[in-house]
């Protein structure tokens, strides 16, 4: 058997690539731990560009624009983990990542406050009809009037999707004196005095302001459609800082122009430009009392720093310790270090007999297992093994021969 190095990934050989102008906090976290091949590209890459770039990349950081397809993952032979420096992971082909043993992390909580504050700000602006008054003032027209302008206090806020952001909006809006109702497909514990609506129709018919905080799925596509818009209270406000496909914008435009919907704030769209400065069109342009923003719900300095810190720590912990808490692909586990041992990570297809085969291989060659932990999901099994230092190189070679193996690497 050929000689195998005591660690499979010396720091000076590991390449880390961050795209889409990810916060420098992430780069700093890796560089201060001795990783020297850390590169940053300010924009997203096309599939073809990424397939070429990713060939020698071990850790990849992206935001929402970069699409990680099956072809990209298959081209990344050395790729160990992807960090999505944003809330979602829908830009990654998770099934392909699972099959390639690539760990995928994100930051589901880090920009919660930024989005929640903007929702409250938009609600105040719209219920006071500030967009129209602002436009008039810029055009030299004086519109000092109270008609059609209201306070948020005492109004009902309807939250669709009571997750991390929705529940934060709930707390802030209650502090302003609003009544809060919410609707979620899963049972959620209400915060404060919030109440769970029995149905989406009930929520839409009761709320003065409706805010959306749902993921993009086949069930949520056009959730707010021509049909559901009819259930809104006349003059109600709609805020969508969730996903672009959730609202039928043509139907919303008609409802606004007909006077049934009193205003809207939209930050996400079915189609969005690739770069700043690109031409942008939406049916909501030129509609009265509408706030349009360019997907900036989580774009604050604080949020980007928090995201940079959160995801880079997860990537670092996986790279150096094998910890997978927060992963969307490989089962989540963490095993404390064992003195006098080397740690090996084994990712395999979740089929019967793999753990038995691992133990048989090692015991057959008198390799002592100091610590071992297995966790599985529907597709993947993940084993962390701590083995005798003197025999770890031999153990690494043997584990690569186990059937159903996807990836094996030695940490230390």
Protein backbone atom coordinates (compact mmCIF):
# COMPACT_ATOMS: atom_id res chain seq x y z
CA UNK A 1 0.00 0.00 0.00
CA UNK A 2 1.45 3.44 -0.94
CA UNK A 3 2.38 5.86 1.83
CA UNK A 4 -0.43 8.23 2.80
CA UNK A 5 0.12 11.63 4.41
CA UNK A 6 -0.85 12.04 8.06
CA UNK A 7 -3.43 14.63 7.06
CA UNK A 8 -5.25 14.66 3.74
CA UNK A 9 -5.57 18.44 3.48
CA UNK A 10 -2.60 20.58 4.61
CA UNK A 11 -3.81 24.18 5.05
CA UNK A 12 -1.48 25.58 2.41
CA UNK A 13 -3.05 23.29 -0.22
CA UNK A 14 -6.68 24.03 0.56
CA UNK A 15 -8.33 26.51 -1.82
CA UNK A 16 -11.25 28.55 -0.53
CA UNK A 17 -13.29 30.59 -3.02
CA UNK A 18 -15.88 33.23 -2.11
CA UNK A 19 -18.18 34.69 -4.78
CA UNK A 20 -20.66 37.59 -4.91
CA UNK A 21 -18.73 39.98 -2.70
CA UNK A 22 -19.17 38.01 0.51
CA UNK A 23 -18.24 39.95 3.68
CA UNK A 24 -14.52 40.21 4.40
CA UNK A 25 -15.31 38.78 7.85
CA UNK A 26 -15.43 35.35 6.21
CA UNK A 27 -12.04 35.77 4.56
CA UNK A 28 -10.51 37.06 7.78
CA UNK A 29 -11.80 34.07 9.75
CA UNK A 30 -9.99 31.62 7.48
CA UNK A 31 -6.81 33.64 7.01
CA UNK A 32 -6.30 34.08 10.75
CA UNK A 33 -6.39 30.30 11.10
CA UNK A 34 -3.58 29.83 8.62
CA UNK A 35 -5.43 29.31 5.32
CA UNK A 36 -3.51 31.22 2.66
CA UNK A 37 -5.33 30.25 -0.54
CA UNK A 38 -8.46 32.31 0.08
CA UNK A 39 -9.81 34.06 -3.02
CA UNK A 40 -12.72 36.46 -3.45
CA UNK A 41 -14.65 37.31 -6.62
CA UNK A 42 -17.14 40.19 -6.43
CA UNK A 43 -19.70 38.75 -8.84
CA UNK A 44 -21.62 35.53 -9.50
CA UNK A 45 -20.26 33.10 -12.10
CA UNK A 46 -22.10 31.30 -14.88
CA UNK A 47 -22.34 27.53 -14.85
CA UNK A 48 -19.57 27.24 -17.44
CA UNK A 49 -17.28 29.66 -15.57
CA UNK A 50 -17.92 27.88 -12.29
CA UNK A 51 -17.26 24.44 -13.75
CA UNK A 52 -13.83 25.66 -14.81
CA UNK A 53 -13.10 27.54 -11.57
CA UNK A 54 -14.25 24.87 -9.13
CA UNK A 55 -11.87 22.10 -10.22
CA UNK A 56 -9.36 22.77 -7.44
CA UNK A 57 -11.72 24.37 -4.89
CA UNK A 58 -12.27 22.67 -1.51
CA UNK A 59 -14.59 25.23 0.11
CA UNK A 60 -17.00 27.42 -1.89
CA UNK A 61 -18.92 30.43 -0.59
CA UNK A 62 -21.86 31.88 -2.53
CA UNK A 63 -24.89 34.10 -2.09
CA UNK A 64 -28.25 33.88 -3.87
CA UNK A 65 -27.24 34.58 -7.49
CA UNK A 66 -24.82 31.70 -8.07
CA UNK A 67 -26.53 28.50 -9.22
CA UNK A 68 -24.83 25.30 -8.09
CA UNK A 69 -26.02 22.70 -10.58
CA UNK A 70 -25.38 18.99 -10.92
CA UNK A 71 -22.73 19.72 -13.57
CA UNK A 72 -20.93 22.15 -11.26
CA UNK A 73 -20.93 19.66 -8.39
CA UNK A 74 -19.64 16.86 -10.59
CA UNK A 75 -16.84 19.15 -11.81
CA UNK A 76 -15.83 19.94 -8.22
CA UNK A 77 -13.92 16.74 -7.53
CA UNK A 78 -12.15 18.29 -4.53
CA UNK A 79 -15.18 20.17 -3.21
CA UNK A 80 -15.93 19.42 0.45
CA UNK A 81 -18.47 22.05 1.46
CA UNK A 82 -20.56 24.96 0.18
CA UNK A 83 -21.50 27.91 2.33
CA UNK A 84 -24.61 29.81 1.25
CA UNK A 85 -24.09 33.26 2.76
CA UNK A 86 -27.83 33.96 2.80
CA UNK A 87 -31.06 32.58 4.24
CA UNK A 88 -31.96 29.97 1.61
CA UNK A 89 -30.25 27.07 -0.18
CA UNK A 90 -32.60 26.81 -3.18
CA UNK A 91 -29.75 27.93 -5.48
CA UNK A 92 -27.98 24.62 -4.79
CA UNK A 93 -29.01 21.28 -6.30
CA UNK A 94 -29.20 19.55 -2.93
CA UNK A 95 -29.81 16.08 -4.39
CA UNK A 96 -26.63 16.35 -6.45
CA UNK A 97 -24.76 17.69 -3.40
CA UNK A 98 -25.91 14.67 -1.40
CA UNK A 99 -24.78 12.24 -4.09
CA UNK A 100 -21.37 13.94 -4.20
CA UNK A 101 -20.98 14.05 -0.43
CA UNK A 102 -20.81 17.85 -0.34
CA UNK A 103 -21.90 19.52 2.90
CA UNK A 104 -24.15 22.58 2.41
CA UNK A 105 -24.54 25.27 5.08
CA UNK A 106 -26.47 28.54 5.20
CA UNK A 107 -27.34 31.35 7.63
CA UNK A 108 -31.05 31.07 8.40
CA UNK A 109 -31.05 33.60 11.26
CA UNK A 110 -28.33 36.16 10.57
CA UNK A 111 -30.30 38.77 8.60
CA UNK A 112 -33.61 38.24 10.40
CA UNK A 113 -33.52 41.60 12.15
CA UNK A 114 -32.63 43.52 8.98
CA UNK A 115 -35.62 42.12 7.08
CA UNK A 116 -37.99 42.52 10.02
CA UNK A 117 -37.08 46.20 10.49
CA UNK A 118 -37.61 46.91 6.80
CA UNK A 119 -41.05 45.26 6.91
CA UNK A 120 -42.08 47.53 9.78
CA UNK A 121 -40.67 50.57 8.01
CA UNK A 122 -42.51 49.70 4.79
CA UNK A 123 -45.77 49.17 6.66
CA UNK A 124 -45.52 52.63 8.24
CA UNK A 125 -44.66 54.29 4.91
CA UNK A 126 -47.49 52.60 3.03
CA UNK A 127 -50.26 53.05 5.59
CA UNK A 128 -49.39 56.77 5.59
CA UNK A 129 -49.25 56.75 1.75
CA UNK A 130 -45.75 58.24 1.86
CA UNK A 131 -44.69 56.96 -1.62
CA UNK A 132 -47.37 59.12 -3.28
CA UNK A 133 -46.62 62.17 -1.12
CA UNK A 134 -42.89 61.77 -1.70
CA UNK A 135 -43.38 61.54 -5.47
CA UNK A 136 -45.59 64.63 -5.45
CA UNK A 137 -43.08 66.62 -3.39
CA UNK A 138 -40.29 65.72 -5.82
CA UNK A 139 -42.51 66.97 -8.64
CA UNK A 140 -43.16 70.23 -6.82
CA UNK A 141 -46.72 69.39 -5.74
CA UNK A 142 -47.82 70.07 -2.13
CA UNK A 143 -50.00 67.21 -0.77
CA UNK A 144 -50.58 68.02 2.91
CA UNK A 145 -53.62 65.94 3.85
CA UNK A 146 -54.71 63.36 6.44
CA UNK A 147 -57.25 61.55 4.27
CA UNK A 148 -56.25 57.94 3.67
CA UNK A 149 -53.33 58.09 6.14
CA UNK A 150 -53.42 55.94 9.25
CA UNK A 151 -51.38 54.84 12.27
CA UNK A 152 -50.21 51.25 12.62
CA UNK A 153 -51.31 51.23 16.24
CA UNK A 154 -54.55 49.29 16.61
CA UNK A 155 -54.34 47.75 13.13
CA UNK A 156 -54.10 44.02 12.43
CA UNK A 157 -50.94 42.55 10.92
CA UNK A 158 -51.30 39.21 9.11
CA UNK A 159 -48.08 37.21 8.87
CA UNK A 160 -47.95 34.34 6.37
CA UNK A 161 -45.07 32.10 7.40
CA UNK A 162 -44.25 32.27 11.11
CA UNK A 163 -40.59 31.27 10.95
CA UNK A 164 -37.45 33.15 11.93
CA UNK A 165 -38.36 36.42 10.20
CA UNK A 166 -42.13 36.20 10.58
CA UNK A 167 -41.90 35.72 14.34
CA UNK A 168 -39.43 38.63 14.65
CA UNK A 169 -41.85 40.88 12.73
CA UNK A 170 -44.54 39.68 15.12
CA UNK A 171 -42.61 40.89 18.17
CA UNK A 172 -41.73 44.29 16.66
CA UNK A 173 -45.24 45.00 15.40
CA UNK A 174 -46.81 44.15 18.77
CA UNK A 175 -44.47 46.66 20.38
CA UNK A 176 -46.04 49.26 18.07
CA UNK A 177 -49.52 48.37 19.32
CA UNK A 178 -50.65 46.15 16.46
CA UNK A 179 -52.76 43.03 16.76
CA UNK A 180 -50.94 40.09 15.19
CA UNK A 181 -52.40 37.04 13.50
CA UNK A 182 -50.38 34.47 11.56
CA UNK A 183 -50.82 31.49 9.28
CA UNK A 184 -48.31 28.68 8.82
CA UNK A 185 -48.61 25.18 7.36
CA UNK A 186 -46.79 23.88 10.43
CA UNK A 187 -47.90 24.28 14.03
CA UNK A 188 -45.96 27.19 15.56
CA UNK A 189 -45.83 28.53 19.10
CA UNK A 190 -47.18 32.12 19.09
CA UNK A 191 -44.97 34.84 20.55
CA UNK A 192 -46.51 37.50 22.78
CA UNK A 193 -50.22 37.89 22.05
CA UNK A 194 -50.09 36.69 18.43
CA UNK A 195 -52.93 34.41 17.36
CA UNK A 196 -52.90 31.52 14.91
CA UNK A 197 -55.41 32.01 12.08
CA UNK A 198 -57.45 28.94 11.21
CA UNK A 199 -56.95 29.42 7.47
CA UNK A 200 -55.22 31.62 4.92
CA UNK A 201 -58.60 32.98 3.83
CA UNK A 202 -59.40 34.00 7.42
CA UNK A 203 -56.08 35.84 7.75
CA UNK A 204 -56.45 37.69 4.46
CA UNK A 205 -59.96 38.84 5.38
CA UNK A 206 -58.90 40.15 8.79
CA UNK A 207 -55.52 41.86 8.23
CA UNK A 208 -54.93 45.53 7.47
CA UNK A 209 -51.33 44.69 6.52
CA UNK A 210 -50.27 41.28 5.13
CA UNK A 211 -46.57 40.33 5.09
CA UNK A 212 -45.15 37.21 3.44
CA UNK A 213 -42.31 35.13 4.89
CA UNK A 214 -42.49 31.78 3.12
CA UNK A 215 -39.95 29.72 1.12
CA UNK A 216 -40.17 29.24 -2.63
CA UNK A 217 -41.80 25.86 -3.26
CA UNK A 218 -44.36 24.43 -5.66
CA UNK A 219 -46.98 25.03 -2.94
CA UNK A 220 -46.11 28.72 -2.48
CA UNK A 221 -45.83 29.69 -6.16
CA UNK A 222 -48.47 32.37 -6.84
CA UNK A 223 -49.74 31.93 -3.30
CA UNK A 224 -51.08 35.47 -3.62
CA UNK A 225 -53.02 35.11 -6.86
CA UNK A 226 -56.04 36.71 -8.50
CA UNK A 227 -58.25 34.45 -6.38
CA UNK A 228 -56.60 35.11 -3.01
CA UNK A 229 -56.35 38.85 -3.65
CA UNK A 230 -60.16 38.94 -3.60
CA UNK A 231 -60.11 37.81 0.03
CA UNK A 232 -58.05 40.82 1.21
CA UNK A 233 -59.80 43.60 3.10
CA UNK A 234 -60.44 46.56 0.84
CA UNK A 235 -57.49 48.96 1.16
CA UNK A 236 -55.19 46.40 2.79
CA UNK A 237 -51.42 46.61 2.34
CA UNK A 238 -49.32 43.71 0.96
CA UNK A 239 -45.60 43.29 1.72
CA UNK A 240 -43.50 40.64 -0.02
CA UNK A 241 -39.92 40.31 1.22
CA UNK A 242 -39.98 36.53 0.82
CA UNK A 243 -39.55 35.07 -2.68
CA UNK A 244 -40.33 36.44 -6.12
CA UNK A 245 -42.58 33.62 -7.30
CA UNK A 246 -44.95 33.88 -4.33
CA UNK A 247 -47.02 36.78 -5.75
CA UNK A 248 -48.72 37.06 -9.13
CA UNK A 249 -47.54 40.61 -9.91
CA UNK A 250 -49.92 41.16 -12.83
CA UNK A 251 -52.88 40.28 -10.60
CA UNK A 252 -51.50 42.51 -7.84
CA UNK A 253 -51.13 45.44 -10.24
CA UNK A 254 -54.78 45.11 -11.27
CA UNK A 255 -55.91 44.89 -7.64
CA UNK A 256 -53.96 48.07 -6.80
CA UNK A 257 -55.27 50.01 -9.81
CA UNK A 258 -58.82 48.84 -9.05
CA UNK A 259 -58.44 50.22 -5.51
CA UNK A 260 -58.95 46.89 -3.76
CA UNK A 261 -55.35 46.75 -2.50
CA UNK A 262 -54.25 49.98 -0.84
CA UNK A 263 -50.52 49.62 -1.48
CA UNK A 264 -47.63 47.21 -1.67
CA UNK A 265 -43.95 46.84 -0.85
CA UNK A 266 -42.03 44.33 -2.96
CA UNK A 267 -38.35 43.45 -2.66
CA UNK A 268 -38.20 40.17 -4.61
CA UNK A 269 -39.26 39.36 -8.16
CA UNK A 270 -39.77 36.34 -10.47
CA UNK A 271 -36.96 37.73 -12.61
CA UNK A 272 -34.11 39.87 -11.28
CA UNK A 273 -31.16 41.48 -13.13
CA UNK A 274 -27.76 39.86 -12.85
CA UNK A 275 -25.80 43.03 -12.05
CA UNK A 276 -26.25 46.48 -10.56
CA UNK A 277 -27.17 48.98 -13.25
CA UNK A 278 -28.93 46.41 -15.47
CA UNK A 279 -32.35 47.33 -16.84
CA UNK A 280 -35.24 46.16 -14.66
CA UNK A 281 -38.96 45.86 -15.37
CA UNK A 282 -41.89 44.83 -13.22
CA UNK A 283 -45.68 45.23 -13.62
CA UNK A 284 -45.77 47.26 -10.40
CA UNK A 285 -43.80 50.21 -11.76
CA UNK A 286 -45.87 53.43 -11.82
CA UNK A 287 -48.53 51.95 -9.50
CA UNK A 288 -49.74 54.28 -6.72
CA UNK A 289 -48.51 53.76 -3.14
CA UNK A 290 -45.98 51.09 -4.07
CA UNK A 291 -42.45 50.69 -2.69
CA UNK A 292 -40.07 48.76 -4.95
CA UNK A 293 -36.64 47.75 -3.66
CA UNK A 294 -33.91 45.67 -5.39
CA UNK A 295 -33.77 42.54 -3.17
CA UNK A 296 -32.17 44.36 -0.25
CA UNK A 297 -34.23 42.96 2.63
CA UNK A 298 -31.16 41.50 4.31
CA UNK A 299 -28.64 43.92 2.85
CA UNK A 300 -27.30 45.80 5.83
CA UNK A 301 -23.73 46.02 7.05
CA UNK A 302 -24.73 44.27 10.27
CA UNK A 303 -26.51 41.41 8.49
CA UNK A 304 -23.66 40.78 6.05
CA UNK A 305 -21.14 40.70 8.90
CA UNK A 306 -23.36 38.31 10.89
CA UNK A 307 -23.81 36.07 7.86
CA UNK A 308 -20.07 36.15 7.11
CA UNK A 309 -19.33 35.13 10.69
CA UNK A 310 -22.03 32.45 10.94
CA UNK A 311 -21.37 30.57 7.70
CA UNK A 312 -17.57 30.83 7.82
CA UNK A 313 -17.56 29.34 11.33
CA UNK A 314 -19.71 26.43 10.13
CA UNK A 315 -17.37 25.84 7.19
CA UNK A 316 -14.29 26.09 9.42
CA UNK A 317 -15.74 23.67 11.99
CA UNK A 318 -16.47 21.13 9.28
CA UNK A 319 -13.08 21.54 7.64
CA UNK A 320 -11.12 21.17 10.88
CA UNK A 321 -13.40 19.16 13.20
CA UNK A 322 -15.91 17.35 11.00
CA UNK A 323 -18.84 19.14 12.68
CA UNK A 324 -21.91 19.23 10.44
CA UNK A 325 -24.50 21.08 12.57
CA UNK A 326 -26.60 23.21 10.23
CA UNK A 327 -25.95 21.05 7.16
CA UNK A 328 -28.72 20.51 4.62
CA UNK A 329 -27.13 17.43 3.06
CA UNK A 330 -24.95 15.43 5.43
CA UNK A 331 -26.44 14.41 8.83
CA UNK A 332 -25.64 16.79 11.68
CA UNK A 333 -23.20 15.56 14.30
CA UNK A 334 -20.20 16.58 16.39
CA UNK A 335 -17.76 14.32 18.22
CA UNK A 336 -15.36 15.74 20.84
CA UNK A 337 -11.62 15.29 20.11
CA UNK A 338 -9.94 12.10 21.35
CA UNK A 339 -6.40 12.23 22.72
CA UNK A 340 -3.78 10.20 20.89
CA UNK A 341 -5.88 9.60 17.78
CA UNK A 342 -6.38 10.74 14.21
CA UNK A 343 -9.86 11.63 12.97
CA UNK A 344 -11.28 10.29 9.69
CA UNK A 345 -14.59 11.32 8.09
CA UNK A 346 -16.49 8.75 6.03
CA UNK A 347 -19.50 9.79 3.92
CA UNK A 348 -21.42 6.96 2.26
CA UNK A 349 -24.73 6.04 0.68
CA UNK A 350 -27.24 5.06 3.36
CA UNK A 351 -27.48 1.34 2.63
CA UNK A 352 -27.46 -1.53 5.14
CA UNK A 353 -24.16 -2.96 6.29
CA UNK A 354 -21.77 -0.03 5.77
CA UNK A 355 -20.88 0.48 9.43
CA UNK A 356 -20.38 -3.26 9.81
CA UNK A 357 -18.08 -3.26 6.75
CA UNK A 358 -16.07 -0.35 8.20
CA UNK A 359 -15.58 -2.10 11.51
CA UNK A 360 -14.75 -5.42 9.83
CA UNK A 361 -12.12 -3.80 7.61
CA UNK A 362 -10.42 -2.11 10.53
CA UNK A 363 -10.61 -4.98 13.02
CA UNK A 364 -9.29 -7.39 10.40
CA UNK A 365 -6.11 -5.29 10.31
CA UNK A 366 -5.98 -4.79 14.10
CA UNK A 367 -6.73 -1.05 13.88
CA UNK A 368 -8.11 0.24 17.16
CA UNK A 369 -11.15 2.58 17.01
CA UNK A 370 -10.84 5.09 19.84
CA UNK A 371 -14.16 6.83 19.09
CA UNK A 372 -16.90 6.39 16.51
CA UNK A 373 -20.24 7.98 15.71
CA UNK A 374 -22.71 7.32 12.89
CA UNK A 375 -25.66 9.42 11.81
CA UNK A 376 -27.85 8.96 8.75
CA UNK A 377 -30.58 10.65 6.78
CA UNK A 378 -32.64 9.18 3.93
CA UNK A 379 -29.73 9.32 1.48
CA UNK A 380 -26.45 9.69 3.36
CA UNK A 381 -24.59 8.05 6.21
CA UNK A 382 -21.88 10.03 7.97
CA UNK A 383 -19.30 8.34 10.21
CA UNK A 384 -16.68 10.14 12.27
CA UNK A 385 -13.91 7.79 13.41
CA UNK A 386 -11.02 8.43 15.75
CA UNK A 387 -8.35 5.76 15.24
CA UNK A 388 -4.89 4.96 16.59
CA UNK A 389 -2.39 7.55 15.26
CA UNK A 390 0.15 4.94 14.21
CA UNK A 391 -2.37 3.14 11.99
CA UNK A 392 -4.45 6.05 10.68
CA UNK A 393 -2.83 6.14 7.22
CA UNK A 394 -3.59 2.45 6.75
CA UNK A 395 -7.13 2.98 8.06
CA UNK A 396 -7.73 5.77 5.54
CA UNK A 397 -6.78 3.50 2.66
CA UNK A 398 -9.00 0.68 3.93
CA UNK A 399 -12.02 2.93 4.37
CA UNK A 400 -11.77 4.09 0.76
CA UNK A 401 -12.34 0.48 -0.29
CA UNK A 402 -15.63 0.07 1.64
CA UNK A 403 -18.60 -0.36 -0.72
CA UNK A 404 -21.06 2.57 -0.96
CA UNK A 405 -18.30 5.04 -0.01
CA UNK A 406 -18.76 8.56 -1.42
CA UNK A 407 -15.96 10.47 0.29
CA UNK A 408 -13.27 9.79 2.90
CA UNK A 409 -10.82 12.30 4.32
CA UNK A 410 -8.50 12.58 7.28
CA UNK A 411 -8.76 15.68 9.43
CA UNK A 412 -5.75 15.24 11.70
